[in-house]
């Protein structure tokens, strides 16, 4: 039996907030794939040598982290730190030095654990949770085992996203402003990760759901402004994020993407999903250079 996209129907919601609730529930109910579970376990193992000793480094202003929460970050077992508590560390405006880099590596497995559970430790979304990795220049400055553990997580998270049915309304249009797989690409970009192997992995995932996620990305993009839907791509002076965004756009606007969307549309048995695939194929085809 063919698995349908997650069609929530025109009458299934009456406000943007209820759609947000549906998306949050879909993310938190997402099955933990074996690859993702292995990547998180690997991160706990690789970064397990880092220990918290003494008081955590946080901004001590009245806005960022209060003394009780700073103490909790310092003394709670790592796996007992909640998303809301770790979010305060995410948004703490403290400086960066070798001691802070050490502490961040201590917290990093818990970050990955919570992100995979759909409970990102941030008040603004998962996209910026790991941007301190870019500041650390992890791909060049950290040991290979640590770099590989982070990249393994990004890859496993993307593959898990691609196995999650996208949220579509009864007409086949996306019911949310961006796609979870796009969100993961944006998160990796903010972290200083390389999106090229992630896009290559997406190309290699040939099932029905991965191409539906491509269609959602295409359908939700702003083609007047030539911007993808996730707001994390823009608004901040991050040249490395802009470069990753442009790489994703080039990946979408390829003859191979058009052909994949067209073939999937012809095979699709769900009317709403077929309409989405057709729309996305038309958009991509209209932006390709003449043959």
C-alpha atoms as a PDB file:
ATOM      1  CA  UNK A   1       0.000   0.000   0.000  1.00  0.00           C
ATOM      2  CA  UNK A   2       1.338   3.456  -0.922  1.00  0.00           C
ATOM      3  CA  UNK A   3       1.928   5.720   2.048  1.00  0.00           C
ATOM      4  CA  UNK A   4       0.222   9.097   1.723  1.00  0.00           C
ATOM      5  CA  UNK A   5       1.675  12.432   2.636  1.00  0.00           C
ATOM      6  CA  UNK A   6       0.320  13.852   5.865  1.00  0.00           C
ATOM      7  CA  UNK A   7      -2.784  15.597   4.510  1.00  0.00           C
ATOM      8  CA  UNK A   8      -4.390  17.579   7.312  1.00  0.00           C
ATOM      9  CA  UNK A   9      -7.340  18.793   5.256  1.00  0.00           C
ATOM     10  CA  UNK A  10      -8.858  22.223   4.799  1.00  0.00           C
ATOM     11  CA  UNK A  11     -11.270  21.737   7.681  1.00  0.00           C
ATOM     12  CA  UNK A  12      -8.752  20.250  10.080  1.00  0.00           C
ATOM     13  CA  UNK A  13      -7.457  23.571  11.338  1.00  0.00           C
ATOM     14  CA  UNK A  14      -8.753  27.081  11.788  1.00  0.00           C
ATOM     15  CA  UNK A  15      -5.635  29.049  12.687  1.00  0.00           C
ATOM     16  CA  UNK A  16      -1.899  29.212  12.107  1.00  0.00           C
ATOM     17  CA  UNK A  17      -1.385  28.245  15.742  1.00  0.00           C
ATOM     18  CA  UNK A  18      -3.139  24.915  15.268  1.00  0.00           C
ATOM     19  CA  UNK A  19      -0.979  24.181  12.207  1.00  0.00           C
ATOM     20  CA  UNK A  20       2.076  24.965  14.325  1.00  0.00           C
ATOM     21  CA  UNK A  21       0.817  22.511  16.928  1.00  0.00           C
ATOM     22  CA  UNK A  22       0.383  19.830  14.267  1.00  0.00           C
ATOM     23  CA  UNK A  23       3.918  20.407  13.042  1.00  0.00           C
ATOM     24  CA  UNK A  24       5.357  20.342  16.553  1.00  0.00           C
ATOM     25  CA  UNK A  25       3.542  17.102  17.303  1.00  0.00           C
ATOM     26  CA  UNK A  26       4.707  15.569  14.016  1.00  0.00           C
ATOM     27  CA  UNK A  27       8.314  16.430  14.813  1.00  0.00           C
ATOM     28  CA  UNK A  28       8.172  15.188  18.395  1.00  0.00           C
ATOM     29  CA  UNK A  29       6.404  11.975  17.369  1.00  0.00           C
ATOM     30  CA  UNK A  30       8.962  11.307  14.623  1.00  0.00           C
ATOM     31  CA  UNK A  31      10.490   7.870  14.945  1.00  0.00           C
ATOM     32  CA  UNK A  32      14.146   7.785  15.959  1.00  0.00           C
ATOM     33  CA  UNK A  33      15.861   6.077  13.046  1.00  0.00           C
ATOM     34  CA  UNK A  34      18.703   3.643  13.799  1.00  0.00           C
ATOM     35  CA  UNK A  35      21.173   5.972  12.047  1.00  0.00           C
ATOM     36  CA  UNK A  36      20.067   8.961  14.098  1.00  0.00           C
ATOM     37  CA  UNK A  37      20.155   7.007  17.360  1.00  0.00           C
ATOM     38  CA  UNK A  38      23.656   5.786  16.475  1.00  0.00           C
ATOM     39  CA  UNK A  39      24.802   9.328  15.659  1.00  0.00           C
ATOM     40  CA  UNK A  40      23.591  10.629  19.013  1.00  0.00           C
ATOM     41  CA  UNK A  41      25.148   7.721  20.892  1.00  0.00           C
ATOM     42  CA  UNK A  42      28.368   8.365  19.006  1.00  0.00           C
ATOM     43  CA  UNK A  43      28.312  12.032  20.030  1.00  0.00           C
ATOM     44  CA  UNK A  44      27.881  11.119  23.704  1.00  0.00           C
ATOM     45  CA  UNK A  45      30.819   8.756  23.343  1.00  0.00           C
ATOM     46  CA  UNK A  46      33.129  11.110  21.437  1.00  0.00           C
ATOM     47  CA  UNK A  47      32.402  14.160  23.578  1.00  0.00           C
ATOM     48  CA  UNK A  48      32.149  12.181  26.809  1.00  0.00           C
ATOM     49  CA  UNK A  49      35.664  13.175  27.838  1.00  0.00           C
ATOM     50  CA  UNK A  50      34.509  16.735  28.477  1.00  0.00           C
ATOM     51  CA  UNK A  51      33.301  17.376  32.004  1.00  0.00           C
ATOM     52  CA  UNK A  52      31.683  20.332  33.712  1.00  0.00           C
ATOM     53  CA  UNK A  53      33.770  21.582  36.597  1.00  0.00           C
ATOM     54  CA  UNK A  54      32.915  24.732  38.479  1.00  0.00           C
ATOM     55  CA  UNK A  55      30.431  27.358  37.358  1.00  0.00           C
ATOM     56  CA  UNK A  56      29.263  27.439  33.762  1.00  0.00           C
ATOM     57  CA  UNK A  57      30.198  30.508  31.717  1.00  0.00           C
ATOM     58  CA  UNK A  58      27.068  32.522  30.910  1.00  0.00           C
ATOM     59  CA  UNK A  59      26.050  36.133  30.557  1.00  0.00           C
ATOM     60  CA  UNK A  60      25.121  37.405  34.020  1.00  0.00           C
ATOM     61  CA  UNK A  61      22.795  40.195  32.919  1.00  0.00           C
ATOM     62  CA  UNK A  62      19.174  40.243  34.055  1.00  0.00           C
ATOM     63  CA  UNK A  63      17.971  38.928  30.695  1.00  0.00           C
ATOM     64  CA  UNK A  64      20.125  35.928  29.733  1.00  0.00           C
ATOM     65  CA  UNK A  65      20.613  33.396  32.565  1.00  0.00           C
ATOM     66  CA  UNK A  66      19.607  33.747  36.215  1.00  0.00           C
ATOM     67  CA  UNK A  67      21.826  32.434  39.030  1.00  0.00           C
ATOM     68  CA  UNK A  68      19.587  29.434  39.791  1.00  0.00           C
ATOM     69  CA  UNK A  69      19.552  28.335  36.161  1.00  0.00           C
ATOM     70  CA  UNK A  70      23.304  28.854  35.832  1.00  0.00           C
ATOM     71  CA  UNK A  71      23.788  26.623  38.851  1.00  0.00           C
ATOM     72  CA  UNK A  72      21.447  23.997  37.368  1.00  0.00           C
ATOM     73  CA  UNK A  73      23.443  23.980  34.120  1.00  0.00           C
ATOM     74  CA  UNK A  74      26.563  23.395  36.188  1.00  0.00           C
ATOM     75  CA  UNK A  75      25.366  20.559  38.416  1.00  0.00           C
ATOM     76  CA  UNK A  76      22.584  18.641  36.657  1.00  0.00           C
ATOM     77  CA  UNK A  77      23.491  15.405  34.863  1.00  0.00           C
ATOM     78  CA  UNK A  78      23.830  16.187  31.191  1.00  0.00           C
ATOM     79  CA  UNK A  79      20.891  14.035  30.106  1.00  0.00           C
ATOM     80  CA  UNK A  80      18.673  15.698  32.743  1.00  0.00           C
ATOM     81  CA  UNK A  81      19.115  19.194  31.317  1.00  0.00           C
ATOM     82  CA  UNK A  82      15.822  20.237  29.760  1.00  0.00           C
ATOM     83  CA  UNK A  83      15.390  21.979  26.440  1.00  0.00           C
ATOM     84  CA  UNK A  84      14.140  25.160  28.098  1.00  0.00           C
ATOM     85  CA  UNK A  85      17.147  25.278  30.429  1.00  0.00           C
ATOM     86  CA  UNK A  86      19.669  24.619  27.670  1.00  0.00           C
ATOM     87  CA  UNK A  87      17.937  27.262  25.536  1.00  0.00           C
ATOM     88  CA  UNK A  88      19.084  29.851  28.050  1.00  0.00           C
ATOM     89  CA  UNK A  89      22.660  28.784  27.377  1.00  0.00           C
ATOM     90  CA  UNK A  90      21.984  28.915  23.625  1.00  0.00           C
ATOM     91  CA  UNK A  91      20.908  32.546  23.831  1.00  0.00           C
ATOM     92  CA  UNK A  92      23.339  33.661  26.525  1.00  0.00           C
ATOM     93  CA  UNK A  93      25.413  36.567  25.194  1.00  0.00           C
ATOM     94  CA  UNK A  94      28.683  35.423  26.735  1.00  0.00           C
ATOM     95  CA  UNK A  95      32.071  35.706  25.074  1.00  0.00           C
ATOM     96  CA  UNK A  96      33.972  32.923  23.305  1.00  0.00           C
ATOM     97  CA  UNK A  97      37.305  31.553  24.500  1.00  0.00           C
ATOM     98  CA  UNK A  98      38.965  28.178  25.000  1.00  0.00           C
ATOM     99  CA  UNK A  99      37.114  27.543  28.270  1.00  0.00           C
ATOM    100  CA  UNK A 100      33.761  28.266  26.634  1.00  0.00           C
ATOM    101  CA  UNK A 101      34.682  26.033  23.693  1.00  0.00           C
ATOM    102  CA  UNK A 102      35.372  23.237  26.178  1.00  0.00           C
ATOM    103  CA  UNK A 103      32.027  23.781  27.912  1.00  0.00           C
ATOM    104  CA  UNK A 104      30.150  23.847  24.619  1.00  0.00           C
ATOM    105  CA  UNK A 105      31.605  20.475  23.679  1.00  0.00           C
ATOM    106  CA  UNK A 106      30.369  19.153  27.001  1.00  0.00           C
ATOM    107  CA  UNK A 107      26.815  20.314  26.210  1.00  0.00           C
ATOM    108  CA  UNK A 108      26.924  19.347  22.522  1.00  0.00           C
ATOM    109  CA  UNK A 109      25.593  15.751  22.773  1.00  0.00           C
ATOM    110  CA  UNK A 110      22.586  17.014  24.711  1.00  0.00           C
ATOM    111  CA  UNK A 111      21.964  19.594  21.991  1.00  0.00           C
ATOM    112  CA  UNK A 112      21.916  16.880  19.352  1.00  0.00           C
ATOM    113  CA  UNK A 113      19.730  14.649  21.501  1.00  0.00           C
ATOM    114  CA  UNK A 114      17.100  17.363  21.989  1.00  0.00           C
ATOM    115  CA  UNK A 115      17.165  18.507  18.371  1.00  0.00           C
ATOM    116  CA  UNK A 116      16.587  14.933  17.186  1.00  0.00           C
ATOM    117  CA  UNK A 117      13.632  14.666  19.564  1.00  0.00           C
ATOM    118  CA  UNK A 118      12.040  17.746  17.977  1.00  0.00           C
ATOM    119  CA  UNK A 119      12.611  19.753  21.146  1.00  0.00           C
ATOM    120  CA  UNK A 120      15.378  22.118  20.059  1.00  0.00           C
ATOM    121  CA  UNK A 121      16.935  24.161  22.897  1.00  0.00           C
ATOM    122  CA  UNK A 122      16.125  27.549  21.422  1.00  0.00           C
ATOM    123  CA  UNK A 123      13.307  30.063  21.585  1.00  0.00           C
ATOM    124  CA  UNK A 124      13.652  30.822  17.869  1.00  0.00           C
ATOM    125  CA  UNK A 125      14.080  27.373  16.308  1.00  0.00           C
ATOM    126  CA  UNK A 126      16.706  24.720  15.759  1.00  0.00           C
ATOM    127  CA  UNK A 127      18.457  26.632  12.994  1.00  0.00           C
ATOM    128  CA  UNK A 128      20.700  28.699  15.299  1.00  0.00           C
ATOM    129  CA  UNK A 129      21.168  26.141  18.092  1.00  0.00           C
ATOM    130  CA  UNK A 130      24.580  25.061  16.886  1.00  0.00           C
ATOM    131  CA  UNK A 131      25.968  28.270  15.398  1.00  0.00           C
ATOM    132  CA  UNK A 132      28.760  28.306  18.009  1.00  0.00           C
ATOM    133  CA  UNK A 133      30.202  25.413  16.006  1.00  0.00           C
ATOM    134  CA  UNK A 134      30.956  27.901  13.247  1.00  0.00           C
ATOM    135  CA  UNK A 135      32.631  30.188  15.733  1.00  0.00           C
ATOM    136  CA  UNK A 136      34.725  27.225  16.858  1.00  0.00           C
ATOM    137  CA  UNK A 137      35.595  26.408  13.222  1.00  0.00           C
ATOM    138  CA  UNK A 138      34.920  22.788  14.132  1.00  0.00           C
ATOM    139  CA  UNK A 139      35.617  21.407  10.664  1.00  0.00           C
ATOM    140  CA  UNK A 140      39.189  22.684  10.744  1.00  0.00           C
ATOM    141  CA  UNK A 141      40.109  23.193  14.404  1.00  0.00           C
ATOM    142  CA  UNK A 142      38.583  20.180  16.154  1.00  0.00           C
ATOM    143  CA  UNK A 143      39.846  16.572  16.116  1.00  0.00           C
ATOM    144  CA  UNK A 144      38.635  14.402  13.258  1.00  0.00           C
ATOM    145  CA  UNK A 145      36.540  12.198  15.551  1.00  0.00           C
ATOM    146  CA  UNK A 146      34.606  15.215  16.840  1.00  0.00           C
ATOM    147  CA  UNK A 147      34.140  16.680  13.376  1.00  0.00           C
ATOM    148  CA  UNK A 148      32.934  13.343  12.041  1.00  0.00           C
ATOM    149  CA  UNK A 149      30.477  12.917  14.934  1.00  0.00           C
ATOM    150  CA  UNK A 150      28.854  16.266  14.158  1.00  0.00           C
ATOM    151  CA  UNK A 151      28.677  15.618  10.431  1.00  0.00           C
ATOM    152  CA  UNK A 152      27.230  12.147  11.084  1.00  0.00           C
ATOM    153  CA  UNK A 153      24.465  13.776  13.104  1.00  0.00           C
ATOM    154  CA  UNK A 154      23.596  16.262  10.353  1.00  0.00           C
ATOM    155  CA  UNK A 155      23.402  13.439   7.827  1.00  0.00           C
ATOM    156  CA  UNK A 156      21.300  11.172  10.053  1.00  0.00           C
ATOM    157  CA  UNK A 157      18.972  14.039  10.976  1.00  0.00           C
ATOM    158  CA  UNK A 158      18.413  14.895   7.327  1.00  0.00           C
ATOM    159  CA  UNK A 159      17.633  11.283   6.466  1.00  0.00           C
ATOM    160  CA  UNK A 160      15.180  11.097   9.361  1.00  0.00           C
ATOM    161  CA  UNK A 161      13.486  14.269   8.098  1.00  0.00           C
ATOM    162  CA  UNK A 162      13.151  12.760   4.642  1.00  0.00           C
ATOM    163  CA  UNK A 163      11.319   9.755   6.103  1.00  0.00           C
ATOM    164  CA  UNK A 164       8.760  12.015   7.816  1.00  0.00           C
ATOM    165  CA  UNK A 165       5.650  12.656   5.668  1.00  0.00           C
ATOM    166  CA  UNK A 166       5.354  16.369   4.860  1.00  0.00           C
ATOM    167  CA  UNK A 167       2.411  18.379   6.123  1.00  0.00           C
ATOM    168  CA  UNK A 168       0.065  19.072   3.208  1.00  0.00           C
ATOM    169  CA  UNK A 169      -3.426  20.527   3.159  1.00  0.00           C
ATOM    170  CA  UNK A 170      -6.296  18.933   1.245  1.00  0.00           C
ATOM    171  CA  UNK A 171      -5.231  20.597  -2.030  1.00  0.00           C
ATOM    172  CA  UNK A 172      -1.665  19.346  -1.795  1.00  0.00           C
ATOM    173  CA  UNK A 173      -0.190  22.700  -0.799  1.00  0.00           C
ATOM    174  CA  UNK A 174       2.309  22.761   2.080  1.00  0.00           C
ATOM    175  CA  UNK A 175       0.619  23.555   5.377  1.00  0.00           C
ATOM    176  CA  UNK A 176       3.734  25.086   6.917  1.00  0.00           C
ATOM    177  CA  UNK A 177       6.159  27.786   5.834  1.00  0.00           C
ATOM    178  CA  UNK A 178       9.212  25.548   5.390  1.00  0.00           C
ATOM    179  CA  UNK A 179      10.188  21.905   5.208  1.00  0.00           C
ATOM    180  CA  UNK A 180      11.905  20.064   8.114  1.00  0.00           C
ATOM    181  CA  UNK A 181      14.666  18.859   5.794  1.00  0.00           C
ATOM    182  CA  UNK A 182      15.277  22.461   4.717  1.00  0.00           C
ATOM    183  CA  UNK A 183      15.407  23.436   8.387  1.00  0.00           C
ATOM    184  CA  UNK A 184      18.159  20.859   8.954  1.00  0.00           C
ATOM    185  CA  UNK A 185      20.144  22.218   6.001  1.00  0.00           C
ATOM    186  CA  UNK A 186      19.798  25.712   7.451  1.00  0.00           C
ATOM    187  CA  UNK A 187      20.925  24.485  10.881  1.00  0.00           C
ATOM    188  CA  UNK A 188      23.981  22.794   9.363  1.00  0.00           C
ATOM    189  CA  UNK A 189      24.791  25.972   7.439  1.00  0.00           C
ATOM    190  CA  UNK A 190      24.664  28.134  10.588  1.00  0.00           C
ATOM    191  CA  UNK A 191      26.945  25.612  12.283  1.00  0.00           C
ATOM    192  CA  UNK A 192      29.506  25.930   9.513  1.00  0.00           C
ATOM    193  CA  UNK A 193      28.743  22.486   8.160  1.00  0.00           C
ATOM    194  CA  UNK A 194      29.106  21.497   4.533  1.00  0.00           C
ATOM    195  CA  UNK A 195      25.718  21.143   2.824  1.00  0.00           C
ATOM    196  CA  UNK A 196      27.182  19.408  -0.261  1.00  0.00           C
ATOM    197  CA  UNK A 197      27.281  15.880   1.247  1.00  0.00           C
ATOM    198  CA  UNK A 198      23.797  16.423   2.659  1.00  0.00           C
ATOM    199  CA  UNK A 199      22.435  17.318  -0.767  1.00  0.00           C
ATOM    200  CA  UNK A 200      24.254  14.339  -2.272  1.00  0.00           C
ATOM    201  CA  UNK A 201      22.624  12.085   0.313  1.00  0.00           C
ATOM    202  CA  UNK A 202      19.229  13.570  -0.561  1.00  0.00           C
ATOM    203  CA  UNK A 203      19.873  12.757  -4.210  1.00  0.00           C
ATOM    204  CA  UNK A 204      20.652   9.172  -3.199  1.00  0.00           C
ATOM    205  CA  UNK A 205      17.355   8.779  -1.283  1.00  0.00           C
ATOM    206  CA  UNK A 206      15.098   7.703  -4.134  1.00  0.00           C
ATOM    207  CA  UNK A 207      11.837   6.921  -2.338  1.00  0.00           C
ATOM    208  CA  UNK A 208       8.545   8.782  -2.545  1.00  0.00           C
ATOM    209  CA  UNK A 209       8.878  10.922   0.570  1.00  0.00           C
ATOM    210  CA  UNK A 210      12.279  12.487  -0.261  1.00  0.00           C
ATOM    211  CA  UNK A 211      10.965  13.873  -3.552  1.00  0.00           C
ATOM    212  CA  UNK A 212       7.858  15.200  -1.799  1.00  0.00           C
ATOM    213  CA  UNK A 213      10.145  17.129   0.515  1.00  0.00           C
ATOM    214  CA  UNK A 214      11.876  18.615  -2.539  1.00  0.00           C
ATOM    215  CA  UNK A 215       8.464  19.652  -3.844  1.00  0.00           C
ATOM    216  CA  UNK A 216       7.630  21.338  -0.532  1.00  0.00           C
ATOM    217  CA  UNK A 217      10.909  23.278  -0.614  1.00  0.00           C
ATOM    218  CA  UNK A 218      10.194  24.459  -4.141  1.00  0.00           C
ATOM    219  CA  UNK A 219       6.555  25.333  -3.447  1.00  0.00           C
ATOM    220  CA  UNK A 220       7.277  27.310  -0.282  1.00  0.00           C
ATOM    221  CA  UNK A 221      10.258  29.298  -1.618  1.00  0.00           C
ATOM    222  CA  UNK A 222       9.984  32.996  -2.412  1.00  0.00           C
ATOM    223  CA  UNK A 223      10.707  33.000  -6.147  1.00  0.00           C
ATOM    224  CA  UNK A 224      10.302  36.762  -6.462  1.00  0.00           C
ATOM    225  CA  UNK A 225      13.097  37.289  -3.959  1.00  0.00           C
ATOM    226  CA  UNK A 226      14.886  34.047  -4.901  1.00  0.00           C
ATOM    227  CA  UNK A 227      14.916  32.921  -1.282  1.00  0.00           C
ATOM    228  CA  UNK A 228      14.109  29.635   0.375  1.00  0.00           C
ATOM    229  CA  UNK A 229      11.278  29.664   2.886  1.00  0.00           C
ATOM    230  CA  UNK A 230      13.142  29.255   6.172  1.00  0.00           C
ATOM    231  CA  UNK A 231      13.729  32.686   7.656  1.00  0.00           C
ATOM    232  CA  UNK A 232      16.990  31.516   9.166  1.00  0.00           C
ATOM    233  CA  UNK A 233      18.670  31.847   5.768  1.00  0.00           C
ATOM    234  CA  UNK A 234      18.332  35.637   5.804  1.00  0.00           C
ATOM    235  CA  UNK A 235      18.288  38.553   8.207  1.00  0.00           C
ATOM    236  CA  UNK A 236      21.697  38.044   9.797  1.00  0.00           C
ATOM    237  CA  UNK A 237      25.108  38.965   8.340  1.00  0.00           C
ATOM    238  CA  UNK A 238      26.309  35.381   7.859  1.00  0.00           C
ATOM    239  CA  UNK A 239      28.218  35.015   4.578  1.00  0.00           C
ATOM    240  CA  UNK A 240      28.690  31.276   5.115  1.00  0.00           C
ATOM    241  CA  UNK A 241      24.923  30.836   5.515  1.00  0.00           C
ATOM    242  CA  UNK A 242      24.258  32.870   2.365  1.00  0.00           C
ATOM    243  CA  UNK A 243      26.738  30.691   0.458  1.00  0.00           C
ATOM    244  CA  UNK A 244      25.008  27.518   1.665  1.00  0.00           C
ATOM    245  CA  UNK A 245      21.610  28.957   0.730  1.00  0.00           C
ATOM    246  CA  UNK A 246      22.825  29.658  -2.796  1.00  0.00           C
ATOM    247  CA  UNK A 247      24.238  26.127  -3.074  1.00  0.00           C
ATOM    248  CA  UNK A 248      20.838  24.679  -2.126  1.00  0.00           C
ATOM    249  CA  UNK A 249      19.106  26.908  -4.672  1.00  0.00           C
ATOM    250  CA  UNK A 250      21.461  25.713  -7.418  1.00  0.00           C
ATOM    251  CA  UNK A 251      20.776  22.125  -6.377  1.00  0.00           C
ATOM    252  CA  UNK A 252      17.032  22.661  -6.687  1.00  0.00           C
ATOM    253  CA  UNK A 253      17.208  24.405 -10.052  1.00  0.00           C
ATOM    254  CA  UNK A 254      18.707  21.514 -12.028  1.00  0.00           C
ATOM    255  CA  UNK A 255      17.310  19.460 -14.903  1.00  0.00           C
ATOM    256  CA  UNK A 256      17.753  16.422 -12.645  1.00  0.00           C
ATOM    257  CA  UNK A 257      15.375  17.957 -10.088  1.00  0.00           C
ATOM    258  CA  UNK A 258      12.775  18.722 -12.756  1.00  0.00           C
ATOM    259  CA  UNK A 259      13.018  15.184 -14.126  1.00  0.00           C
ATOM    260  CA  UNK A 260      12.695  13.682 -10.664  1.00  0.00           C
ATOM    261  CA  UNK A 261       9.628  15.784  -9.853  1.00  0.00           C
ATOM    262  CA  UNK A 262       8.011  14.926 -13.190  1.00  0.00           C
ATOM    263  CA  UNK A 263       8.581  11.188 -12.780  1.00  0.00           C
ATOM    264  CA  UNK A 264       7.258  11.255  -9.218  1.00  0.00           C
ATOM    265  CA  UNK A 265       4.157  13.165 -10.328  1.00  0.00           C
ATOM    266  CA  UNK A 266       3.376  10.577 -13.003  1.00  0.00           C
ATOM    267  CA  UNK A 267       3.694   7.773 -10.433  1.00  0.00           C
ATOM    268  CA  UNK A 268       1.804   9.526  -7.618  1.00  0.00           C
ATOM    269  CA  UNK A 269      -1.578   8.082  -6.627  1.00  0.00           C
ATOM    270  CA  UNK A 270      -2.582  10.748  -4.087  1.00  0.00           C
ATOM    271  CA  UNK A 271      -4.273  13.674  -5.846  1.00  0.00           C
ATOM    272  CA  UNK A 272      -3.031  16.312  -3.435  1.00  0.00           C
ATOM    273  CA  UNK A 273       0.569  15.108  -3.533  1.00  0.00           C
ATOM    274  CA  UNK A 274       0.410  14.867  -7.326  1.00  0.00           C
ATOM    275  CA  UNK A 275      -0.745  18.481  -7.503  1.00  0.00           C
ATOM    276  CA  UNK A 276       2.179  19.542  -5.308  1.00  0.00           C
ATOM    277  CA  UNK A 277       4.681  17.635  -7.458  1.00  0.00           C
ATOM    278  CA  UNK A 278       3.215  19.135 -10.625  1.00  0.00           C
ATOM    279  CA  UNK A 279       3.424  22.648  -9.203  1.00  0.00           C
ATOM    280  CA  UNK A 280       7.031  22.154  -8.129  1.00  0.00           C
ATOM    281  CA  UNK A 281       8.009  20.673 -11.509  1.00  0.00           C
ATOM    282  CA  UNK A 282       6.459  23.672 -13.273  1.00  0.00           C
ATOM    283  CA  UNK A 283       8.337  26.125 -11.056  1.00  0.00           C
ATOM    284  CA  UNK A 284      11.698  24.413 -11.579  1.00  0.00           C
ATOM    285  CA  UNK A 285      11.162  23.963 -15.327  1.00  0.00           C
ATOM    286  CA  UNK A 286      10.318  27.651 -15.697  1.00  0.00           C
ATOM    287  CA  UNK A 287      13.643  28.676 -14.132  1.00  0.00           C
ATOM    288  CA  UNK A 288      15.962  26.411 -16.075  1.00  0.00           C
ATOM    289  CA  UNK A 289      18.025  27.944 -18.896  1.00  0.00           C
ATOM    290  CA  UNK A 290      16.908  27.044 -22.425  1.00  0.00           C
ATOM    291  CA  UNK A 291      18.213  23.689 -23.599  1.00  0.00           C
END
